C-alpha atoms as a PDB file:
ATOM      1  CA  MET A   1      -0.288  -0.115  -0.133  1.00  0.00           C
ATOM      2  CA  GLU A   2       1.153   3.150  -0.831  1.00  0.00           C
ATOM      3  CA  GLU A   3       2.384   5.784   1.500  1.00  0.00           C
ATOM      4  CA  ILE A   4      -0.377   7.967   0.580  1.00  0.00           C
ATOM      5  CA  ASP A   5      -3.127   6.062   1.280  1.00  0.00           C
ATOM      6  CA  ARG A   6      -2.135   5.606   4.540  1.00  0.00           C
ATOM      7  CA  ARG A   7      -1.966   8.731   5.883  1.00  0.00           C
ATOM      8  CA  LEU A   8      -5.279   9.141   3.682  1.00  0.00           C
ATOM      9  CA  LEU A   9      -6.932   5.994   5.847  1.00  0.00           C
ATOM     10  CA  ALA A  10      -5.610   7.714   9.343  1.00  0.00           C
ATOM     11  CA  LEU A  11      -7.191  11.176   8.360  1.00  0.00           C
ATOM     12  CA  LEU A  12     -10.168   9.324   7.933  1.00  0.00           C
ATOM     13  CA  ALA A  13      -9.807   7.206  11.140  1.00  0.00           C
ATOM     14  CA  ALA A  14      -9.583  10.536  13.057  1.00  0.00           C
ATOM     15  CA  ASP A  15     -12.162  12.110  11.823  1.00  0.00           C
ATOM     16  CA  GLY A  16     -14.679   9.988   8.926  1.00  0.00           C
ATOM     17  CA  ARG A  17     -15.963  13.256   8.107  1.00  0.00           C
ATOM     18  CA  MET A  18     -12.730  14.706   6.445  1.00  0.00           C
ATOM     19  CA  SER A  19     -14.499  17.132   3.008  1.00  0.00           C
ATOM     20  CA  PHE A  20     -12.822  15.638  -0.046  1.00  0.00           C
ATOM     21  CA  THR A  21     -10.565  18.679  -0.161  1.00  0.00           C
ATOM     22  CA  ASP A  22      -9.216  19.024   2.980  1.00  0.00           C
ATOM     23  CA  LEU A  23      -8.067  15.330   2.484  1.00  0.00           C
ATOM     24  CA  GLY A  24      -6.844  16.905  -0.835  1.00  0.00           C
ATOM     25  CA  LYS A  25      -4.773  19.568   1.270  1.00  0.00           C
ATOM     26  CA  GLN A  26      -4.010  17.418   4.278  1.00  0.00           C
ATOM     27  CA  THR A  27      -2.392  14.871   2.151  1.00  0.00           C
ATOM     28  CA  GLY A  28      -1.077  17.524  -1.416  1.00  0.00           C
ATOM     29  CA  LEU A  29      -3.838  15.779  -3.961  1.00  0.00           C
ATOM     30  CA  SER A  30      -6.685  17.183  -6.034  1.00  0.00           C
ATOM     31  CA  THR A  31      -9.633  16.823  -4.948  1.00  0.00           C
ATOM     32  CA  SER A  32     -10.837  14.370  -7.679  1.00  0.00           C
ATOM     33  CA  ALA A  33      -7.487  12.398  -6.715  1.00  0.00           C
ATOM     34  CA  VAL A  34      -8.630  12.130  -3.108  1.00  0.00           C
ATOM     35  CA  HIS A  35     -12.041  11.361  -4.310  1.00  0.00           C
ATOM     36  CA  HIS A  36     -10.654   8.511  -6.566  1.00  0.00           C
ATOM     37  CA  ARG A  37      -7.935   7.230  -3.954  1.00  0.00           C
ATOM     38  CA  VAL A  38     -10.840   6.908  -1.333  1.00  0.00           C
ATOM     39  CA  LYS A  39     -13.115   5.387  -3.408  1.00  0.00           C
ATOM     40  CA  ARG A  40      -9.970   3.025  -4.455  1.00  0.00           C
ATOM     41  CA  LEU A  41      -9.617   2.138  -0.705  1.00  0.00           C
ATOM     42  CA  GLU A  42     -13.806   1.556   0.152  1.00  0.00           C
ATOM     43  CA  LYS A  43     -13.369  -0.997  -3.137  1.00  0.00           C
ATOM     44  CA  ARG A  44     -10.560  -2.922  -1.719  1.00  0.00           C
ATOM     45  CA  GLY A  45     -12.012  -3.176   1.738  1.00  0.00           C
ATOM     46  CA  LEU A  46      -9.982  -1.241   3.586  1.00  0.00           C
ATOM     47  CA  ILE A  47     -12.368   1.443   4.929  1.00  0.00           C
ATOM     48  CA  GLN A  48     -15.171  -0.949   5.805  1.00  0.00           C
ATOM     49  CA  GLY A  49     -17.616   2.146   6.875  1.00  0.00           C
ATOM     50  CA  TYR A  50     -18.348   5.772   8.882  1.00  0.00           C
ATOM     51  CA  THR A  51     -19.010   5.473  12.260  1.00  0.00           C
ATOM     52  CA  ALA A  52     -20.923   7.529  14.664  1.00  0.00           C
ATOM     53  CA  ILE A  53     -18.955   8.252  18.178  1.00  0.00           C
ATOM     54  CA  VAL A  54     -22.219   8.264  20.433  1.00  0.00           C
ATOM     55  CA  ALA A  55     -22.362   9.107  23.983  1.00  0.00           C
ATOM     56  CA  HIS A  56     -23.481   5.881  26.118  1.00  0.00           C
ATOM     57  CA  ASP A  57     -23.593   7.876  29.265  1.00  0.00           C
ATOM     58  CA  GLU A  58     -26.624  10.454  27.626  1.00  0.00           C
ATOM     59  CA  LEU A  59     -28.087   7.234  26.949  1.00  0.00           C
ATOM     60  CA  GLY A  60     -29.076   5.609  29.801  1.00  0.00           C
ATOM     61  CA  LEU A  61     -25.829   3.941  29.296  1.00  0.00           C
ATOM     62  CA  PRO A  62     -23.790   5.009  31.799  1.00  0.00           C
ATOM     63  CA  LEU A  63     -22.311   1.130  33.555  1.00  0.00           C
ATOM     64  CA  THR A  64     -19.503  -1.072  30.420  1.00  0.00           C
ATOM     65  CA  ALA A  65     -18.715  -4.103  31.153  1.00  0.00           C
ATOM     66  CA  PHE A  66     -16.694  -6.264  29.551  1.00  0.00           C
ATOM     67  CA  VAL A  67     -17.711 -10.204  30.531  1.00  0.00           C
ATOM     68  CA  SER A  68     -15.257 -13.591  29.032  1.00  0.00           C
ATOM     69  CA  ILE A  69     -17.228 -16.547  28.566  1.00  0.00           C
ATOM     70  CA  ARG A  70     -15.913 -20.095  28.629  1.00  0.00           C
ATOM     71  CA  PRO A  71     -18.108 -22.576  27.316  1.00  0.00           C
ATOM     72  CA  ILE A  72     -18.730 -24.646  30.805  1.00  0.00           C
ATOM     73  CA  ASP A  73     -18.769 -28.298  28.437  1.00  0.00           C
ATOM     74  CA  ALA A  74     -16.096 -27.890  26.624  1.00  0.00           C
ATOM     75  CA  ALA A  75     -17.012 -30.215  23.969  1.00  0.00           C
ATOM     76  CA  ALA A  76     -20.328 -28.613  23.202  1.00  0.00           C
ATOM     77  CA  PRO A  77     -20.971 -26.754  19.616  1.00  0.00           C
ATOM     78  CA  ASP A  78     -18.058 -23.407  19.726  1.00  0.00           C
ATOM     79  CA  ASP A  79     -21.449 -21.085  18.676  1.00  0.00           C
ATOM     80  CA  ALA A  80     -21.568 -18.587  21.648  1.00  0.00           C
ATOM     81  CA  PRO A  81     -21.467 -15.666  19.421  1.00  0.00           C
ATOM     82  CA  GLN A  82     -25.087 -16.937  17.792  1.00  0.00           C
ATOM     83  CA  ARG A  83     -26.796 -17.706  20.637  1.00  0.00           C
ATOM     84  CA  LEU A  84     -25.682 -14.595  21.903  1.00  0.00           C
ATOM     85  CA  GLN A  85     -26.837 -12.073  19.227  1.00  0.00           C
ATOM     86  CA  ASP A  86     -30.320 -10.982  19.424  1.00  0.00           C
ATOM     87  CA  ILE A  87     -28.735  -9.818  23.008  1.00  0.00           C
ATOM     88  CA  THR A  88     -28.274  -5.835  22.715  1.00  0.00           C
ATOM     89  CA  GLU A  89     -26.495  -4.641  25.446  1.00  0.00           C
ATOM     90  CA  ILE A  90     -24.006  -6.901  23.999  1.00  0.00           C
ATOM     91  CA  GLU A  91     -21.442  -4.164  22.075  1.00  0.00           C
ATOM     92  CA  SER A  92     -19.341  -6.289  21.050  1.00  0.00           C
ATOM     93  CA  CYS A  93     -17.687 -10.185  20.496  1.00  0.00           C
ATOM     94  CA  TRP A  94     -14.137 -10.767  20.673  1.00  0.00           C
ATOM     95  CA  SER A  95     -12.988 -14.606  19.942  1.00  0.00           C
ATOM     96  CA  VAL A  96     -10.148 -15.027  22.121  1.00  0.00           C
ATOM     97  CA  ALA A  97      -6.701 -16.675  23.433  1.00  0.00           C
ATOM     98  CA  GLY A  98      -6.629 -18.247  26.012  1.00  0.00           C
ATOM     99  CA  GLN A  99      -8.198 -19.702  29.214  1.00  0.00           C
ATOM    100  CA  GLU A 100     -11.142 -17.618  28.369  1.00  0.00           C
ATOM    101  CA  SER A 101     -13.227 -18.268  24.532  1.00  0.00           C
ATOM    102  CA  TYR A 102     -14.581 -15.020  23.763  1.00  0.00           C
ATOM    103  CA  ILE A 103     -14.558 -11.089  25.747  1.00  0.00           C
ATOM    104  CA  LEU A 104     -17.816  -9.478  24.717  1.00  0.00           C
ATOM    105  CA  LYS A 105     -18.026  -5.528  25.431  1.00  0.00           C
ATOM    106  CA  VAL A 106     -21.337  -4.935  27.474  1.00  0.00           C
ATOM    107  CA  ARG A 107     -23.295  -1.406  28.354  1.00  0.00           C
ATOM    108  CA  VAL A 108     -25.671  -1.173  30.705  1.00  0.00           C
ATOM    109  CA  PRO A 109     -27.842   1.212  33.063  1.00  0.00           C
ATOM    110  CA  THR A 110     -27.354  -0.681  36.541  1.00  0.00           C
ATOM    111  CA  PRO A 111     -25.405  -2.775  39.118  1.00  0.00           C
ATOM    112  CA  ALA A 112     -28.722  -4.253  38.515  1.00  0.00           C
ATOM    113  CA  ASP A 113     -28.864  -4.794  34.855  1.00  0.00           C
ATOM    114  CA  LEU A 114     -25.919  -5.671  34.451  1.00  0.00           C
ATOM    115  CA  GLU A 115     -26.784  -9.420  36.846  1.00  0.00           C
ATOM    116  CA  ASP A 116     -29.363  -9.522  34.814  1.00  0.00           C
ATOM    117  CA  LEU A 117     -27.429  -9.616  31.210  1.00  0.00           C
ATOM    118  CA  LEU A 118     -24.789 -12.033  33.444  1.00  0.00           C
ATOM    119  CA  ALA A 119     -27.687 -14.817  34.119  1.00  0.00           C
ATOM    120  CA  ARG A 120     -29.443 -13.960  30.460  1.00  0.00           C
ATOM    121  CA  ILE A 121     -25.650 -14.408  28.913  1.00  0.00           C
ATOM    122  CA  ARG A 122     -25.114 -17.514  31.168  1.00  0.00           C
ATOM    123  CA  ALA A 123     -28.511 -19.019  29.550  1.00  0.00           C
ATOM    124  CA  ALA A 124     -28.432 -18.687  26.013  1.00  0.00           C
ATOM    125  CA  ALA A 125     -25.097 -19.925  25.891  1.00  0.00           C
ATOM    126  CA  ASN A 126     -24.470 -22.493  28.538  1.00  0.00           C
ATOM    127  CA  VAL A 127     -20.679 -20.383  29.689  1.00  0.00           C
ATOM    128  CA  SER A 128     -19.072 -19.353  32.506  1.00  0.00           C
ATOM    129  CA  THR A 129     -18.444 -15.208  33.340  1.00  0.00           C
ATOM    130  CA  ARG A 130     -15.857 -13.470  34.352  1.00  0.00           C
ATOM    131  CA  THR A 131     -16.620  -9.478  34.075  1.00  0.00           C
ATOM    132  CA  THR A 132     -14.393  -6.094  35.042  1.00  0.00           C
ATOM    133  CA  ILE A 133     -16.464  -3.720  34.874  1.00  0.00           C
ATOM    134  CA  VAL A 134     -14.577   0.410  33.924  1.00  0.00           C
ATOM    135  CA  LEU A 135     -14.668   2.676  36.090  1.00  0.00           C
ATOM    136  CA  SER A 136     -13.425   5.054  33.640  1.00  0.00           C
ATOM    137  CA  THR A 137     -12.242   5.666  29.695  1.00  0.00           C
ATOM    138  CA  PRO A 138      -9.440   7.971  28.894  1.00  0.00           C
ATOM    139  CA  TYR A 139      -9.825   7.309  26.233  1.00  0.00           C
ATOM    140  CA  GLU A 140     -11.450   4.866  23.262  1.00  0.00           C
ATOM    141  CA  ASN A 141     -11.048   3.762  19.423  1.00  0.00           C
ATOM    142  CA  ARG A 142      -7.748   5.557  18.634  1.00  0.00           C
ATOM    143  CA  PRO A 143      -7.112   5.127  14.896  1.00  0.00           C
ATOM    144  CA  VAL A 144      -3.920   3.120  14.574  1.00  0.00           C
ATOM    145  CA  GLY A 145      -1.468   4.833  12.930  1.00  0.00           C
ATOM    146  CA  SER A 146      -2.523   7.464  13.053  1.00  0.00           C
ATOM    147  CA  GLU A 147      -1.592  11.322  13.632  1.00  0.00           C
ATOM    148  CA  PRO A 148      -2.181  13.104  17.255  1.00  0.00           C
ATOM    149  CA  ARG A 149      -5.407  15.922  17.211  1.00  0.00           C
ATOM    150  CA  ALA A 150      -4.503  19.616  18.140  1.00  0.00           C
ATOM    151  CA  ALA A 151      -5.936  20.099  20.343  1.00  0.00           C
ATOM    152  CA  ASP A 152      -9.208  21.898  19.897  1.00  0.00           C
END
């Protein structure tokens, strides 16, 4: 991959709403050249989408936790992601190496809601859980390989 494409990816990872004109100013390319390159990066699957960053606290979901799961029966099929896919409080599911099989990122309103959610996860997927509650989030979803943003 060309360095200019890496630069475009880093800029878009930091600000997915950056205009083609502004991208051109940052990279020294014309607006049409930026447009062509970004469309090519999308087509190649290097840009998989654009997203909004949501204020979960404002949505009434201030409690974030990581739930590590592992099957109670090691001989059971590895289908936990499918069994859990309709539980909307689960934001992310990662397959991991180690003692656990998956780590789930969940968001709920209260500790009581987390307790209820853990019971539903255990029942739905026949797994044991280990939970870590997030106390604060100094940063999240930092773009990999991007340049630091200038302070506003």
